[in-house]
PDB file of N, CA and C in Angstrom:
ATOM      1  N   MET A   1      37.388   5.979   6.791  1.00  0.00           N
ATOM      2  CA  MET A   1      36.180   6.061   5.298  1.00  0.00           C
ATOM      3  C   MET A   1      36.177   5.121   4.938  1.00  0.00           C
ATOM      4  N   ILE A   2      34.344   4.613   4.313  1.00  0.00           N
ATOM      5  CA  ILE A   2      33.580   3.616   3.827  1.00  0.00           C
ATOM      6  C   ILE A   2      34.181   3.483   2.726  1.00  0.00           C
ATOM      7  N   GLN A   3      34.517   2.543   1.872  1.00  0.00           N
ATOM      8  CA  GLN A   3      34.722   2.437   0.748  1.00  0.00           C
ATOM      9  C   GLN A   3      33.666   2.114  -0.117  1.00  0.00           C
ATOM     10  N   LEU A   4      33.570   2.641  -1.685  1.00  0.00           N
ATOM     11  CA  LEU A   4      32.368   2.530  -2.299  1.00  0.00           C
ATOM     12  C   LEU A   4      31.656   1.515  -2.795  1.00  0.00           C
ATOM     13  N   ASP A   5      32.670   0.202  -2.860  1.00  0.00           N
ATOM     14  CA  ASP A   5      32.491  -1.014  -2.531  1.00  0.00           C
ATOM     15  C   ASP A   5      30.953  -1.719  -2.250  1.00  0.00           C
ATOM     16  N   TYR A   6      31.511  -1.855  -0.735  1.00  0.00           N
ATOM     17  CA  TYR A   6      30.835  -1.354   0.444  1.00  0.00           C
ATOM     18  C   TYR A   6      28.978  -0.880   0.353  1.00  0.00           C
ATOM     19  N   PHE A   7      28.665   0.541  -0.343  1.00  0.00           N
ATOM     20  CA  PHE A   7      27.764   0.782  -0.073  1.00  0.00           C
ATOM     21  C   PHE A   7      27.032   0.072  -1.690  1.00  0.00           C
ATOM     22  N   LEU A   8      27.792  -0.396  -2.508  1.00  0.00           N
ATOM     23  CA  LEU A   8      26.939  -0.882  -3.729  1.00  0.00           C
ATOM     24  C   LEU A   8      26.680  -2.032  -3.375  1.00  0.00           C
ATOM     25  N   LEU A   9      27.303  -2.948  -2.678  1.00  0.00           N
ATOM     26  CA  LEU A   9      27.000  -4.472  -2.631  1.00  0.00           C
ATOM     27  C   LEU A   9      25.354  -4.584  -1.488  1.00  0.00           C
ATOM     28  N   LEU A  10      25.772  -3.391  -0.052  1.00  0.00           N
ATOM     29  CA  LEU A  10      24.504  -3.158   0.329  1.00  0.00           C
ATOM     30  C   LEU A  10      23.363  -2.494  -0.656  1.00  0.00           C
ATOM     31  N   SER A  11      23.478  -1.608  -1.362  1.00  0.00           N
ATOM     32  CA  SER A  11      22.615  -1.254  -2.445  1.00  0.00           C
ATOM     33  C   SER A  11      22.147  -2.491  -3.487  1.00  0.00           C
ATOM     34  N   ALA A  12      22.464  -3.268  -3.900  1.00  0.00           N
ATOM     35  CA  ALA A  12      22.787  -4.673  -4.759  1.00  0.00           C
ATOM     36  C   ALA A  12      21.570  -5.169  -3.598  1.00  0.00           C
ATOM     37  N   PHE A  13      21.779  -5.171  -2.617  1.00  0.00           N
ATOM     38  CA  PHE A  13      21.423  -5.839  -1.646  1.00  0.00           C
ATOM     39  C   PHE A  13      20.354  -5.414  -1.612  1.00  0.00           C
ATOM     40  N   MET A  14      19.200  -4.714  -1.150  1.00  0.00           N
ATOM     41  CA  MET A  14      18.560  -3.781  -0.410  1.00  0.00           C
ATOM     42  C   MET A  14      17.589  -4.931  -2.144  1.00  0.00           C
ATOM     43  N   PHE A  15      18.252  -4.004  -3.596  1.00  0.00           N
ATOM     44  CA  PHE A  15      16.918  -4.130  -4.637  1.00  0.00           C
ATOM     45  C   PHE A  15      16.909  -5.360  -4.501  1.00  0.00           C
ATOM     46  N   ILE A  16      17.714  -6.034  -4.353  1.00  0.00           N
ATOM     47  CA  ILE A  16      17.413  -7.489  -5.031  1.00  0.00           C
ATOM     48  C   ILE A  16      15.928  -8.673  -3.981  1.00  0.00           C
ATOM     49  N   VAL A  17      16.083  -8.033  -2.879  1.00  0.00           N
ATOM     50  CA  VAL A  17      15.111  -8.614  -1.248  1.00  0.00           C
ATOM     51  C   VAL A  17      14.128  -7.624  -1.761  1.00  0.00           C
ATOM     52  N   GLY A  18      14.046  -6.474  -2.291  1.00  0.00           N
ATOM     53  CA  GLY A  18      12.669  -5.480  -2.440  1.00  0.00           C
ATOM     54  C   GLY A  18      12.591  -6.594  -4.345  1.00  0.00           C
ATOM     55  N   THR A  19      12.814  -6.452  -4.779  1.00  0.00           N
ATOM     56  CA  THR A  19      12.319  -7.508  -6.023  1.00  0.00           C
ATOM     57  C   THR A  19      12.346  -9.208  -6.195  1.00  0.00           C
ATOM     58  N   ILE A  20      12.281  -9.533  -4.887  1.00  0.00           N
ATOM     59  CA  ILE A  20      12.261 -11.028  -4.759  1.00  0.00           C
ATOM     60  C   ILE A  20      10.873 -10.353  -3.669  1.00  0.00           C
ATOM     61  N   GLY A  21      10.190  -9.808  -2.770  1.00  0.00           N
ATOM     62  CA  GLY A  21       9.520  -9.203  -2.589  1.00  0.00           C
ATOM     63  C   GLY A  21       8.045  -8.865  -3.512  1.00  0.00           C
ATOM     64  N   VAL A  22       8.656  -8.195  -4.432  1.00  0.00           N
ATOM     65  CA  VAL A  22       7.447  -7.640  -5.584  1.00  0.00           C
ATOM     66  C   VAL A  22       6.880  -9.195  -6.578  1.00  0.00           C
ATOM     67  N   LEU A  23       7.696 -10.058  -6.761  1.00  0.00           N
ATOM     68  CA  LEU A  23       7.442 -11.175  -7.385  1.00  0.00           C
ATOM     69  C   LEU A  23       6.561 -12.226  -6.470  1.00  0.00           C
ATOM     70  N   THR A  24       7.463 -12.296  -5.368  1.00  0.00           N
ATOM     71  CA  THR A  24       6.694 -13.708  -4.617  1.00  0.00           C
ATOM     72  C   THR A  24       5.526 -13.227  -2.997  1.00  0.00           C
ATOM     73  N   ARG A  25       5.479 -11.953  -3.049  1.00  0.00           N
ATOM     74  CA  ARG A  25       4.730 -11.561  -1.914  1.00  0.00           C
ATOM     75  C   ARG A  25       2.809 -11.286  -2.705  1.00  0.00           C
ATOM     76  N   ARG A  26       2.003 -11.623  -1.736  1.00  0.00           N
ATOM     77  CA  ARG A  26       0.625 -11.593  -3.108  1.00  0.00           C
ATOM     78  C   ARG A  26      -0.190  -9.665  -1.913  1.00  0.00           C
ATOM     79  N   ASN A  27       0.349 -10.222  -1.150  1.00  0.00           N
ATOM     80  CA  ASN A  27      -0.563  -8.641   0.000  1.00  0.00           C
ATOM     81  C   ASN A  27       0.257  -6.861  -1.140  1.00  0.00           C
ATOM     82  N   ALA A  28      -0.568  -6.645  -1.260  1.00  0.00           N
ATOM     83  CA  ALA A  28      -0.550  -5.362  -1.977  1.00  0.00           C
ATOM     84  C   ALA A  28       0.000  -4.284  -1.161  1.00  0.00           C
ATOM     85  N   ILE A  29       0.208  -4.524  -0.011  1.00  0.00           N
ATOM     86  CA  ILE A  29       0.594  -3.484   1.136  1.00  0.00           C
ATOM     87  C   ILE A  29       2.414  -3.830   1.280  1.00  0.00           C
ATOM     88  N   VAL A  30       2.688  -5.272   0.937  1.00  0.00           N
ATOM     89  CA  VAL A  30       4.004  -5.987   0.779  1.00  0.00           C
ATOM     90  C   VAL A  30       4.857  -5.501  -0.136  1.00  0.00           C
ATOM     91  N   VAL A  31       4.164  -5.158  -1.687  1.00  0.00           N
ATOM     92  CA  VAL A  31       4.572  -5.405  -2.799  1.00  0.00           C
ATOM     93  C   VAL A  31       4.829  -3.558  -2.259  1.00  0.00           C
ATOM     94  N   PHE A  32       4.024  -2.940  -2.068  1.00  0.00           N
ATOM     95  CA  PHE A  32       4.362  -1.624  -2.288  1.00  0.00           C
ATOM     96  C   PHE A  32       5.389  -1.461  -1.281  1.00  0.00           C
ATOM     97  N   MET A  33       6.042  -1.945  -0.269  1.00  0.00           N
ATOM     98  CA  MET A  33       6.898  -2.077   0.380  1.00  0.00           C
ATOM     99  C   MET A  33       8.145  -1.823  -0.629  1.00  0.00           C
ATOM    100  N   SER A  34       8.275  -3.100  -0.554  1.00  0.00           N
ATOM    101  CA  SER A  34       9.038  -3.764  -1.473  1.00  0.00           C
ATOM    102  C   SER A  34       9.458  -2.637  -2.638  1.00  0.00           C
ATOM    103  N   ILE A  35       8.441  -1.666  -3.087  1.00  0.00           N
ATOM    104  CA  ILE A  35       8.898  -0.744  -4.369  1.00  0.00           C
ATOM    105  C   ILE A  35       9.580  -0.049  -3.494  1.00  0.00           C
ATOM    106  N   GLU A  36       9.192   0.176  -2.612  1.00  0.00           N
ATOM    107  CA  GLU A  36      10.290   1.598  -1.630  1.00  0.00           C
ATOM    108  C   GLU A  36      11.237   1.041  -1.025  1.00  0.00           C
ATOM    109  N   LEU A  37      11.602  -0.215  -1.352  1.00  0.00           N
ATOM    110  CA  LEU A  37      13.122  -0.832  -1.328  1.00  0.00           C
ATOM    111  C   LEU A  37      13.632  -0.833  -2.066  1.00  0.00           C
ATOM    112  N   MET A  38      13.564  -0.674  -3.686  1.00  0.00           N
ATOM    113  CA  MET A  38      13.742  -0.740  -4.869  1.00  0.00           C
ATOM    114  C   MET A  38      14.069   0.577  -4.719  1.00  0.00           C
ATOM    115  N   LEU A  39      13.754   1.541  -4.540  1.00  0.00           N
ATOM    116  CA  LEU A  39      13.074   2.842  -4.774  1.00  0.00           C
ATOM    117  C   LEU A  39      14.713   3.311  -3.903  1.00  0.00           C
ATOM    118  N   ASN A  40      14.876   3.082  -2.615  1.00  0.00           N
ATOM    119  CA  ASN A  40      16.027   3.601  -1.345  1.00  0.00           C
ATOM    120  C   ASN A  40      17.732   2.805  -2.032  1.00  0.00           C
ATOM    121  N   SER A  41      17.145   1.559  -2.222  1.00  0.00           N
ATOM    122  CA  SER A  41      18.281   1.288  -2.407  1.00  0.00           C
ATOM    123  C   SER A  41      18.779   1.991  -4.309  1.00  0.00           C
ATOM    124  N   ALA A  42      18.180   2.578  -4.799  1.00  0.00           N
ATOM    125  CA  ALA A  42      18.544   3.465  -6.278  1.00  0.00           C
ATOM    126  C   ALA A  42      19.591   4.553  -5.642  1.00  0.00           C
ATOM    127  N   ASN A  43      18.326   5.151  -4.367  1.00  0.00           N
ATOM    128  CA  ASN A  43      18.854   6.245  -3.810  1.00  0.00           C
ATOM    129  C   ASN A  43      19.977   6.208  -3.366  1.00  0.00           C
ATOM    130  N   LEU A  44      20.314   4.885  -2.474  1.00  0.00           N
ATOM    131  CA  LEU A  44      21.787   5.188  -1.836  1.00  0.00           C
ATOM    132  C   LEU A  44      22.875   4.540  -2.619  1.00  0.00           C
ATOM    133  N   THR A  45      22.933   4.344  -4.145  1.00  0.00           N
ATOM    134  CA  THR A  45      23.978   4.397  -5.105  1.00  0.00           C
ATOM    135  C   THR A  45      23.886   5.593  -5.449  1.00  0.00           C
ATOM    136  N   PHE A  46      22.672   6.139  -5.591  1.00  0.00           N
ATOM    137  CA  PHE A  46      22.818   7.822  -6.441  1.00  0.00           C
ATOM    138  C   PHE A  46      23.967   9.073  -4.763  1.00  0.00           C
ATOM    139  N   VAL A  47      23.950   8.342  -3.809  1.00  0.00           N
ATOM    140  CA  VAL A  47      24.414   9.028  -3.082  1.00  0.00           C
ATOM    141  C   VAL A  47      25.887   8.380  -3.020  1.00  0.00           C
ATOM    142  N   ALA A  48      25.651   7.099  -2.842  1.00  0.00           N
ATOM    143  CA  ALA A  48      27.212   6.717  -2.738  1.00  0.00           C
ATOM    144  C   ALA A  48      28.284   7.102  -4.169  1.00  0.00           C
ATOM    145  N   TYR A  49      27.721   7.188  -5.200  1.00  0.00           N
ATOM    146  CA  TYR A  49      28.979   8.050  -5.961  1.00  0.00           C
ATOM    147  C   TYR A  49      28.703   9.475  -5.823  1.00  0.00           C
ATOM    148  N   SER A  50      27.954  10.086  -5.898  1.00  0.00           N
ATOM    149  CA  SER A  50      28.046  11.263  -5.464  1.00  0.00           C
ATOM    150  C   SER A  50      28.760  11.883  -4.386  1.00  0.00           C
ATOM    151  N   SER A  51      28.795  10.896  -3.217  1.00  0.00           N
ATOM    152  CA  SER A  51      30.218  11.066  -2.669  1.00  0.00           C
ATOM    153  C   SER A  51      31.341  10.954  -2.761  1.00  0.00           C
ATOM    154  N   PHE A  52      31.485   9.596  -3.992  1.00  0.00           N
ATOM    155  CA  PHE A  52      32.416   9.152  -3.966  1.00  0.00           C
ATOM    156  C   PHE A  52      32.992  10.055  -5.524  1.00  0.00           C
ATOM    157  N   PHE A  53      32.193  10.859  -6.148  1.00  0.00           N
ATOM    158  CA  PHE A  53      32.897  11.841  -7.384  1.00  0.00           C
ATOM    159  C   PHE A  53      32.996  13.382  -6.793  1.00  0.00           C
ATOM    160  N   GLY A  54      32.682  13.522  -5.546  1.00  0.00           N
ATOM    161  CA  GLY A  54      32.707  15.070  -5.013  1.00  0.00           C
ATOM    162  C   GLY A  54      31.668  15.765  -5.649  1.00  0.00           C
ATOM    163  N   ASP A  55      30.360  14.883  -6.325  1.00  0.00           N
ATOM    164  CA  ASP A  55      28.990  16.185  -6.953  1.00  0.00           C
ATOM    165  C   ASP A  55      28.479  16.213  -6.342  1.00  0.00           C
ATOM    166  N   VAL A  56      27.382  17.287  -6.489  1.00  0.00           N
ATOM    167  CA  VAL A  56      26.213  17.146  -5.604  1.00  0.00           C
ATOM    168  C   VAL A  56      24.812  16.634  -6.963  1.00  0.00           C
ATOM    169  N   VAL A  57      25.354  16.214  -8.287  1.00  0.00           N
ATOM    170  CA  VAL A  57      23.912  16.060  -8.790  1.00  0.00           C
ATOM    171  C   VAL A  57      23.275  13.954  -8.301  1.00  0.00           C
ATOM    172  N   GLY A  58      24.103  13.636  -8.153  1.00  0.00           N
ATOM    173  CA  GLY A  58      23.247  12.117  -7.520  1.00  0.00           C
ATOM    174  C   GLY A  58      22.392  12.775  -6.412  1.00  0.00           C
ATOM    175  N   GLN A  59      22.700  13.345  -5.591  1.00  0.00           N
ATOM    176  CA  GLN A  59      22.144  13.728  -4.083  1.00  0.00           C
ATOM    177  C   GLN A  59      20.855  14.822  -4.829  1.00  0.00           C
ATOM    178  N   LEU A  60      20.666  15.947  -6.091  1.00  0.00           N
ATOM    179  CA  LEU A  60      19.813  16.147  -6.405  1.00  0.00           C
ATOM    180  C   LEU A  60      18.787  15.463  -7.271  1.00  0.00           C
ATOM    181  N   PHE A  61      19.001  14.202  -7.582  1.00  0.00           N
ATOM    182  CA  PHE A  61      17.980  12.933  -8.317  1.00  0.00           C
ATOM    183  C   PHE A  61      17.475  12.463  -6.979  1.00  0.00           C
ATOM    184  N   VAL A  62      18.265  11.776  -6.059  1.00  0.00           N
ATOM    185  CA  VAL A  62      17.423  11.687  -4.631  1.00  0.00           C
ATOM    186  C   VAL A  62      16.220  12.276  -3.932  1.00  0.00           C
ATOM    187  N   PHE A  63      16.497  13.803  -4.695  1.00  0.00           N
ATOM    188  CA  PHE A  63      15.985  14.770  -3.843  1.00  0.00           C
ATOM    189  C   PHE A  63      14.426  14.473  -4.757  1.00  0.00           C
ATOM    190  N   PHE A  64      14.845  13.906  -5.933  1.00  0.00           N
ATOM    191  CA  PHE A  64      13.407  13.936  -6.957  1.00  0.00           C
ATOM    192  C   PHE A  64      13.340  12.550  -7.188  1.00  0.00           C
ATOM    193  N   VAL A  65      14.239  11.651  -6.450  1.00  0.00           N
ATOM    194  CA  VAL A  65      13.044  10.141  -6.529  1.00  0.00           C
ATOM    195  C   VAL A  65      12.420  10.564  -5.050  1.00  0.00           C
ATOM    196  N   MET A  66      12.979  11.303  -4.225  1.00  0.00           N
ATOM    197  CA  MET A  66      12.143  11.036  -2.920  1.00  0.00           C
ATOM    198  C   MET A  66      10.653  11.543  -3.137  1.00  0.00           C
ATOM    199  N   ALA A  67      10.520  12.756  -3.904  1.00  0.00           N
ATOM    200  CA  ALA A  67       9.539  13.471  -4.327  1.00  0.00           C
ATOM    201  C   ALA A  67       8.331  12.697  -5.015  1.00  0.00           C
ATOM    202  N   VAL A  68       8.872  12.348  -6.186  1.00  0.00           N
ATOM    203  CA  VAL A  68       8.038  10.827  -6.635  1.00  0.00           C
ATOM    204  C   VAL A  68       7.587   9.525  -5.590  1.00  0.00           C
ATOM    205  N   ALA A  69       8.781   9.195  -4.574  1.00  0.00           N
ATOM    206  CA  ALA A  69       7.766   8.128  -3.622  1.00  0.00           C
ATOM    207  C   ALA A  69       6.781   8.322  -3.019  1.00  0.00           C
ATOM    208  N   ALA A  70       7.259   9.797  -2.754  1.00  0.00           N
ATOM    209  CA  ALA A  70       6.278  10.499  -1.833  1.00  0.00           C
ATOM    210  C   ALA A  70       4.759  10.867  -2.706  1.00  0.00           C
ATOM    211  N   ALA A  71       4.871  11.016  -3.944  1.00  0.00           N
ATOM    212  CA  ALA A  71       3.800  11.182  -4.581  1.00  0.00           C
ATOM    213  C   ALA A  71       2.844   9.585  -4.655  1.00  0.00           C
ATOM    214  N   GLU A  72       4.146   9.210  -5.011  1.00  0.00           N
ATOM    215  CA  GLU A  72       3.196   7.555  -5.444  1.00  0.00           C
ATOM    216  C   GLU A  72       3.069   6.832  -4.376  1.00  0.00           C
ATOM    217  N   VAL A  73       3.392   7.414  -3.115  1.00  0.00           N
ATOM    218  CA  VAL A  73       2.975   6.391  -1.559  1.00  0.00           C
ATOM    219  C   VAL A  73       1.435   6.912  -1.655  1.00  0.00           C
ATOM    220  N   ALA A  74       1.311   8.610  -2.244  1.00  0.00           N
ATOM    221  CA  ALA A  74      -0.052   8.661  -1.546  1.00  0.00           C
ATOM    222  C   ALA A  74      -0.728   8.153  -2.435  1.00  0.00           C
ATOM    223  N   VAL A  75      -0.722   8.235  -3.931  1.00  0.00           N
ATOM    224  CA  VAL A  75      -2.005   7.953  -4.602  1.00  0.00           C
ATOM    225  C   VAL A  75      -1.670   6.599  -4.299  1.00  0.00           C
ATOM    226  N   GLY A  76      -0.693   5.315  -4.956  1.00  0.00           N
ATOM    227  CA  GLY A  76      -0.791   4.160  -4.453  1.00  0.00           C
ATOM    228  C   GLY A  76      -1.598   3.418  -3.192  1.00  0.00           C
ATOM    229  N   LEU A  77      -1.346   4.296  -1.658  1.00  0.00           N
ATOM    230  CA  LEU A  77      -2.102   3.738  -0.662  1.00  0.00           C
ATOM    231  C   LEU A  77      -3.473   4.202  -0.629  1.00  0.00           C
ATOM    232  N   ALA A  78      -3.598   5.471  -1.722  1.00  0.00           N
ATOM    233  CA  ALA A  78      -5.708   5.856  -1.873  1.00  0.00           C
ATOM    234  C   ALA A  78      -5.999   4.723  -2.148  1.00  0.00           C
ATOM    235  N   ILE A  79      -5.301   4.049  -3.487  1.00  0.00           N
ATOM    236  CA  ILE A  79      -5.695   2.771  -4.614  1.00  0.00           C
ATOM    237  C   ILE A  79      -6.165   1.788  -4.117  1.00  0.00           C
ATOM    238  N   ILE A  80      -5.720   1.784  -3.188  1.00  0.00           N
ATOM    239  CA  ILE A  80      -5.408   0.018  -1.975  1.00  0.00           C
ATOM    240  C   ILE A  80      -6.273   0.568  -1.112  1.00  0.00           C
ATOM    241  N   ILE A  81      -7.034   1.274  -0.786  1.00  0.00           N
ATOM    242  CA  ILE A  81      -7.282   1.614   0.638  1.00  0.00           C
ATOM    243  C   ILE A  81      -9.302   1.352  -0.307  1.00  0.00           C
ATOM    244  N   ALA A  82      -8.811   2.060  -1.610  1.00  0.00           N
ATOM    245  CA  ALA A  82     -10.580   2.550  -2.291  1.00  0.00           C
ATOM    246  C   ALA A  82     -11.056   0.642  -2.616  1.00  0.00           C
ATOM    247  N   ILE A  83     -10.459  -0.165  -2.914  1.00  0.00           N
ATOM    248  CA  ILE A  83     -10.196  -1.529  -3.550  1.00  0.00           C
ATOM    249  C   ILE A  83     -10.284  -2.486  -2.502  1.00  0.00           C
ATOM    250  N   PHE A  84      -9.781  -1.909  -0.791  1.00  0.00           N
ATOM    251  CA  PHE A  84     -10.230  -2.932  -0.180  1.00  0.00           C
ATOM    252  C   PHE A  84     -11.299  -2.391   0.681  1.00  0.00           C
ATOM    253  N   ARG A  85     -12.134  -0.978   0.179  1.00  0.00           N
ATOM    254  CA  ARG A  85     -12.965  -0.942   0.392  1.00  0.00           C
ATOM    255  C   ARG A  85     -14.824  -1.674  -0.095  1.00  0.00           C
ATOM    256  N   ASN A  86     -14.290  -2.091  -1.733  1.00  0.00           N
ATOM    257  CA  ASN A  86     -14.670  -2.602  -2.707  1.00  0.00           C
ATOM    258  C   ASN A  86     -14.987  -4.269  -2.450  1.00  0.00           C
ATOM    259  N   LYS A  87     -13.768  -4.649  -2.402  1.00  0.00           N
ATOM    260  CA  LYS A  87     -13.382  -6.051  -2.457  1.00  0.00           C
ATOM    261  C   LYS A  87     -12.921  -6.760  -0.944  1.00  0.00           C
ATOM    262  N   LEU A  88     -12.455  -5.602   0.325  1.00  0.00           N
ATOM    263  CA  LEU A  88     -12.547  -6.223   1.612  1.00  0.00           C
ATOM    264  C   LEU A  88     -11.175  -7.157   1.734  1.00  0.00           C
ATOM    265  N   THR A  89     -10.483  -6.585   0.506  1.00  0.00           N
ATOM    266  CA  THR A  89      -8.908  -7.457   0.485  1.00  0.00           C
ATOM    267  C   THR A  89      -8.241  -6.892   0.234  1.00  0.00           C
ATOM    268  N   VAL A  90      -6.707  -7.310   0.271  1.00  0.00           N
ATOM    269  CA  VAL A  90      -5.914  -6.706  -0.313  1.00  0.00           C
ATOM    270  C   VAL A  90      -4.998  -7.484  -0.587  1.00  0.00           C
ATOM    271  N   ASN A  91      -5.038  -8.566  -0.861  1.00  0.00           N
ATOM    272  CA  ASN A  91      -4.478  -9.728  -1.279  1.00  0.00           C
ATOM    273  C   ASN A  91      -4.369 -10.051  -3.528  1.00  0.00           C
ATOM    274  N   ILE A  92      -3.162  -9.856  -4.160  1.00  0.00           N
ATOM    275  CA  ILE A  92      -3.131  -9.255  -5.288  1.00  0.00           C
ATOM    276  C   ILE A  92      -4.135 -10.524  -6.028  1.00  0.00           C
ATOM    277  N   ASP A  93      -4.329 -11.527  -5.913  1.00  0.00           N
ATOM    278  CA  ASP A  93      -4.506 -12.249  -6.686  1.00  0.00           C
ATOM    279  C   ASP A  93      -5.954 -12.323  -6.588  1.00  0.00           C
ATOM    280  N   GLU A  94      -6.918 -11.326  -6.127  1.00  0.00           N
ATOM    281  CA  GLU A  94      -8.116 -11.995  -5.338  1.00  0.00           C
ATOM    282  C   GLU A  94      -8.533 -10.231  -6.123  1.00  0.00           C
ATOM    283  N   ILE A  95      -7.860 -10.040  -6.197  1.00  0.00           N
ATOM    284  CA  ILE A  95      -8.389  -8.295  -7.237  1.00  0.00           C
ATOM    285  C   ILE A  95      -8.418  -8.231  -9.017  1.00  0.00           C
ATOM    286  N   ASN A  96      -9.701  -8.522  -8.655  1.00  0.00           N
ATOM    287  CA  ASN A  96     -10.047  -8.831 -10.241  1.00  0.00           C
ATOM    288  C   ASN A  96     -10.608  -7.934 -11.024  1.00  0.00           C
ATOM    289  N   ILE A  97     -10.747  -6.410 -10.888  1.00  0.00           N
ATOM    290  CA  ILE A  97     -11.580  -5.800 -10.684  1.00  0.00           C
ATOM    291  C   ILE A  97     -11.326  -5.162 -12.107  1.00  0.00           C
ATOM    292  N   LEU A  98     -10.436  -5.510 -13.146  1.00  0.00           N
ATOM    293  CA  LEU A  98     -10.228  -4.926 -14.081  1.00  0.00           C
ATOM    294  C   LEU A  98     -10.585  -5.940 -15.307  1.00  0.00           C
ATOM    295  N   LYS A  99     -11.323  -7.408 -14.927  1.00  0.00           N
ATOM    296  CA  LYS A  99     -11.298  -8.489 -15.731  1.00  0.00           C
ATOM    297  C   LYS A  99     -12.960  -8.309 -15.936  1.00  0.00           C
ATOM    298  N   TRP A 100     -13.565  -8.649 -17.476  1.00  0.00           N
ATOM    299  CA  TRP A 100     -14.336  -9.019 -18.172  1.00  0.00           C
ATOM    300  C   TRP A 100     -15.089  -8.959 -16.979  1.00  0.00           C
TER     301      TRP A 100
END
């Protein structure tokens, strides 16, 4: 059986990659995918601890996080498509519709 440490290291690596993607990228879709990667790393941590402690509470949290992530994807992509139709770009630096 794989030790808990390996799952936590993989989860930390995934979260760091997602954080770097959010902070350095300018494409809204790539930023969106980086946020999803961060959510999946949290899910991996929940499942690893759930398996380690023999409890299903972590898996229930994963279920709710996945439901929120699905709703986020639906709303977020709709917003990105609406902005693309108006500005013809998904570059975060060029989207300034909230400025005066």
